[in-house]
Each structure stands twice: as structure tokens, then as C-alpha cells.
Amino acid sequence: MKKVISILFLFVCLSVNAQEKLKTQIVEASCGQCQFGMKGKAGCDTAVRIDGKTYFVDGADINHHGDAHAADGMCSTIRKAEVVGEVKNDRFVATSFKLLPVEGHDPHKGHNH
């Protein structure tokens, strides 16, 4: 019985620790090369800045968030993103990545309905 309680306690501790690592947070997101000046990869890749440190992102392709080279694209400006994930091997491994709307941007401006 003591072993079962010990194993259960260990499992609960590990579960709580894992949940703390994978909390939702708002971060700066952009093209690592174009906006954050990151080296090591050619081309344009999604990156985030967390607590002043930049990381390339696994699990969020830059081309899945609109035209990266548009005026509000990730290669042209630094955006906010709501992310869930963790840093592993100096990369951010995203389990969720949602690019937030540009503040003050009216998506219907210029459209006639």
C-alpha cells in the first residue's frame, strides 16, 4: 500500500509540474530572421521572444498565418501570439500557436459590404 501511495504522489507531482510548463502565455512573435535578427537558418521562420530571449518555433509554420511579407505579416512586423508550449533544446515547441489581431487594425477597412 505504501508503494501505491508513493507512486500516486509522484504521478500527481509530475502532472502538476507538466501543467505548469504548458501554460498559455502571450508572447512576441515574428520572423526570426527578418525581425529578430536570428542566425542559423536560411529563409523565413516563425520565432517567439519570451522574457527577452528569442527561439525558433517548432509546430507553427510562418506560411500558415497569412502573407508573411504583407504590411502586417510576420516578416514585416512583430506581432503578439497566444501560445502553449515549452522550450526544449533552445527551441520553442508549440502545442498551440494563435497569432493575435494587430492592435488598432480594422479588418474591414477598405472593404465595401
C-alpha atoms as a PDB file:
ATOM      1  CA  MET A   1       0.000   0.000   0.000  1.00  0.00           C
ATOM      2  CA  LYS A   2       2.873   2.353   0.787  1.00  0.00           C
ATOM      3  CA  LYS A   3       4.276   1.827  -2.736  1.00  0.00           C
ATOM      4  CA  VAL A   4       0.930   2.645  -4.330  1.00  0.00           C
ATOM      5  CA  ILE A   5       0.629   5.879  -2.354  1.00  0.00           C
ATOM      6  CA  SER A   6       4.234   6.819  -3.211  1.00  0.00           C
ATOM      7  CA  ILE A   7       3.676   6.156  -6.907  1.00  0.00           C
ATOM      8  CA  LEU A   8       0.396   8.076  -6.855  1.00  0.00           C
ATOM      9  CA  PHE A   9       2.089  11.030  -5.121  1.00  0.00           C
ATOM     10  CA  LEU A  10       4.924  11.013  -7.678  1.00  0.00           C
ATOM     11  CA  PHE A  11       2.415  10.901 -10.544  1.00  0.00           C
ATOM     12  CA  VAL A  12       0.470  13.879  -9.136  1.00  0.00           C
ATOM     13  CA  CYS A  13       3.685  15.880  -8.665  1.00  0.00           C
ATOM     14  CA  LEU A  14       4.802  15.170 -12.234  1.00  0.00           C
ATOM     15  CA  SER A  15       1.368  16.056 -13.622  1.00  0.00           C
ATOM     16  CA  VAL A  16       1.294  19.378 -11.789  1.00  0.00           C
ATOM     17  CA  ASN A  17       4.848  20.159 -12.957  1.00  0.00           C
ATOM     18  CA  ALA A  18       3.947  19.352 -16.583  1.00  0.00           C
ATOM     19  CA  GLN A  19       0.842  21.550 -16.427  1.00  0.00           C
ATOM     20  CA  GLU A  20       2.876  24.463 -15.082  1.00  0.00           C
ATOM     21  CA  LYS A  21       5.287  24.231 -18.034  1.00  0.00           C
ATOM     22  CA  LEU A  22       2.495  24.210 -20.597  1.00  0.00           C
ATOM     23  CA  LYS A  23       0.550  27.285 -19.551  1.00  0.00           C
ATOM     24  CA  THR A  24      -0.965  29.688 -22.059  1.00  0.00           C
ATOM     25  CA  GLN A  25       1.068  32.852 -22.483  1.00  0.00           C
ATOM     26  CA  ILE A  26       1.125  35.930 -24.700  1.00  0.00           C
ATOM     27  CA  VAL A  27       4.483  36.402 -26.435  1.00  0.00           C
ATOM     28  CA  GLU A  28       6.012  38.455 -29.220  1.00  0.00           C
ATOM     29  CA  ALA A  29       6.033  36.524 -32.492  1.00  0.00           C
ATOM     30  CA  SER A  30       7.631  37.325 -35.811  1.00  0.00           C
ATOM     31  CA  CYS A  31      10.059  36.114 -38.436  1.00  0.00           C
ATOM     32  CA  GLY A  32      13.221  35.083 -36.626  1.00  0.00           C
ATOM     33  CA  GLN A  33      15.487  36.251 -39.433  1.00  0.00           C
ATOM     34  CA  CYS A  34      13.680  39.406 -40.639  1.00  0.00           C
ATOM     35  CA  GLN A  35      12.598  40.935 -37.320  1.00  0.00           C
ATOM     36  CA  PHE A  36      14.585  39.261 -34.542  1.00  0.00           C
ATOM     37  CA  GLY A  37      17.912  39.055 -36.431  1.00  0.00           C
ATOM     38  CA  MET A  38      18.380  35.369 -35.639  1.00  0.00           C
ATOM     39  CA  LYS A  39      21.059  33.381 -37.450  1.00  0.00           C
ATOM     40  CA  GLY A  40      21.485  29.705 -38.182  1.00  0.00           C
ATOM     41  CA  LYS A  41      18.710  29.111 -40.699  1.00  0.00           C
ATOM     42  CA  ALA A  42      18.163  30.383 -44.239  1.00  0.00           C
ATOM     43  CA  GLY A  43      14.795  31.759 -45.248  1.00  0.00           C
ATOM     44  CA  CYS A  44      11.951  32.942 -43.055  1.00  0.00           C
ATOM     45  CA  ASP A  45      10.838  31.036 -39.968  1.00  0.00           C
ATOM     46  CA  THR A  46       8.442  31.627 -37.088  1.00  0.00           C
ATOM     47  CA  ALA A  47      10.109  32.717 -33.873  1.00  0.00           C
ATOM     48  CA  VAL A  48       8.969  33.968 -30.485  1.00  0.00           C
ATOM     49  CA  ARG A  49      10.523  36.232 -27.897  1.00  0.00           C
ATOM     50  CA  ILE A  50       9.942  35.177 -24.298  1.00  0.00           C
ATOM     51  CA  ASP A  51      11.470  37.133 -21.416  1.00  0.00           C
ATOM     52  CA  GLY A  52      13.839  38.880 -23.842  1.00  0.00           C
ATOM     53  CA  LYS A  53      15.175  35.671 -25.425  1.00  0.00           C
ATOM     54  CA  THR A  54      14.279  34.532 -28.957  1.00  0.00           C
ATOM     55  CA  TYR A  55      13.533  30.981 -30.041  1.00  0.00           C
ATOM     56  CA  PHE A  56      12.679  29.416 -33.380  1.00  0.00           C
ATOM     57  CA  VAL A  57       9.305  27.665 -33.141  1.00  0.00           C
ATOM     58  CA  ASP A  58       8.525  24.038 -33.869  1.00  0.00           C
ATOM     59  CA  GLY A  59       4.825  23.491 -34.573  1.00  0.00           C
ATOM     60  CA  ALA A  60       3.924  26.854 -36.177  1.00  0.00           C
ATOM     61  CA  ASP A  61       4.748  27.407 -39.848  1.00  0.00           C
ATOM     62  CA  ILE A  62       5.160  31.076 -40.815  1.00  0.00           C
ATOM     63  CA  ASN A  63       3.117  30.496 -44.005  1.00  0.00           C
ATOM     64  CA  HIS A  64       0.034  29.374 -42.047  1.00  0.00           C
ATOM     65  CA  HIS A  65      -0.538  32.854 -40.605  1.00  0.00           C
ATOM     66  CA  GLY A  66      -1.317  34.919 -43.681  1.00  0.00           C
ATOM     67  CA  ASP A  67       1.112  36.558 -46.085  1.00  0.00           C
ATOM     68  CA  ALA A  68       4.353  36.823 -44.108  1.00  0.00           C
ATOM     69  CA  HIS A  69       5.526  39.717 -46.299  1.00  0.00           C
ATOM     70  CA  ALA A  70       2.327  41.800 -46.123  1.00  0.00           C
ATOM     71  CA  ALA A  71       2.377  45.050 -44.137  1.00  0.00           C
ATOM     72  CA  ASP A  72       1.033  43.218 -41.064  1.00  0.00           C
ATOM     73  CA  GLY A  73       2.860  39.952 -41.838  1.00  0.00           C
ATOM     74  CA  MET A  74       5.388  38.286 -39.582  1.00  0.00           C
ATOM     75  CA  CYS A  75       8.342  39.301 -41.771  1.00  0.00           C
ATOM     76  CA  SER A  76       7.262  42.944 -41.694  1.00  0.00           C
ATOM     77  CA  THR A  77       6.309  43.468 -38.054  1.00  0.00           C
ATOM     78  CA  ILE A  78       6.455  41.935 -34.603  1.00  0.00           C
ATOM     79  CA  ARG A  79       3.052  40.579 -33.571  1.00  0.00           C
ATOM     80  CA  LYS A  80       1.555  39.130 -30.407  1.00  0.00           C
ATOM     81  CA  ALA A  81       0.652  35.459 -30.213  1.00  0.00           C
ATOM     82  CA  GLU A  82      -1.114  33.291 -27.688  1.00  0.00           C
ATOM     83  CA  VAL A  83       0.978  30.155 -27.294  1.00  0.00           C
ATOM     84  CA  VAL A  84       1.155  26.961 -25.308  1.00  0.00           C
ATOM     85  CA  GLY A  85       4.377  25.002 -25.274  1.00  0.00           C
ATOM     86  CA  GLU A  86       7.809  24.781 -23.766  1.00  0.00           C
ATOM     87  CA  VAL A  87      11.434  25.474 -24.548  1.00  0.00           C
ATOM     88  CA  LYS A  88      13.367  22.319 -25.482  1.00  0.00           C
ATOM     89  CA  ASN A  89      16.913  22.289 -26.847  1.00  0.00           C
ATOM     90  CA  ASP A  90      16.865  26.082 -27.301  1.00  0.00           C
ATOM     91  CA  ARG A  91      13.688  25.953 -29.447  1.00  0.00           C
ATOM     92  CA  PHE A  92      10.076  26.685 -28.526  1.00  0.00           C
ATOM     93  CA  VAL A  93       7.963  23.574 -29.103  1.00  0.00           C
ATOM     94  CA  ALA A  94       4.403  24.828 -29.568  1.00  0.00           C
ATOM     95  CA  THR A  95       1.384  22.674 -28.844  1.00  0.00           C
ATOM     96  CA  SER A  96      -0.808  25.689 -29.680  1.00  0.00           C
ATOM     97  CA  PHE A  97       0.046  28.888 -31.585  1.00  0.00           C
ATOM     98  CA  LYS A  98      -2.551  31.585 -32.302  1.00  0.00           C
ATOM     99  CA  LEU A  99      -1.445  34.834 -33.918  1.00  0.00           C
ATOM    100  CA  LEU A 100      -3.450  37.673 -32.386  1.00  0.00           C
ATOM    101  CA  PRO A 101      -5.007  40.500 -34.443  1.00  0.00           C
ATOM    102  CA  VAL A 102      -2.944  43.631 -34.919  1.00  0.00           C
ATOM    103  CA  GLU A 103      -3.980  46.187 -32.292  1.00  0.00           C
ATOM    104  CA  GLY A 104      -5.931  49.062 -33.821  1.00  0.00           C
ATOM    105  CA  HIS A 105      -6.298  47.197 -37.133  1.00  0.00           C
ATOM    106  CA  ASP A 106      -9.778  47.176 -38.644  1.00  0.00           C
ATOM    107  CA  PRO A 107     -10.035  44.037 -40.814  1.00  0.00           C
ATOM    108  CA  HIS A 108     -12.976  45.580 -42.736  1.00  0.00           C
ATOM    109  CA  LYS A 109     -11.290  48.884 -43.529  1.00  0.00           C
ATOM    110  CA  GLY A 110     -11.269  49.359 -47.258  1.00  0.00           C
ATOM    111  CA  HIS A 111     -13.925  46.693 -47.827  1.00  0.00           C
ATOM    112  CA  ASN A 112     -17.357  47.550 -49.141  1.00  0.00           C
ATOM    113  CA  HIS A 113     -20.086  45.200 -47.954  1.00  0.00           C
END
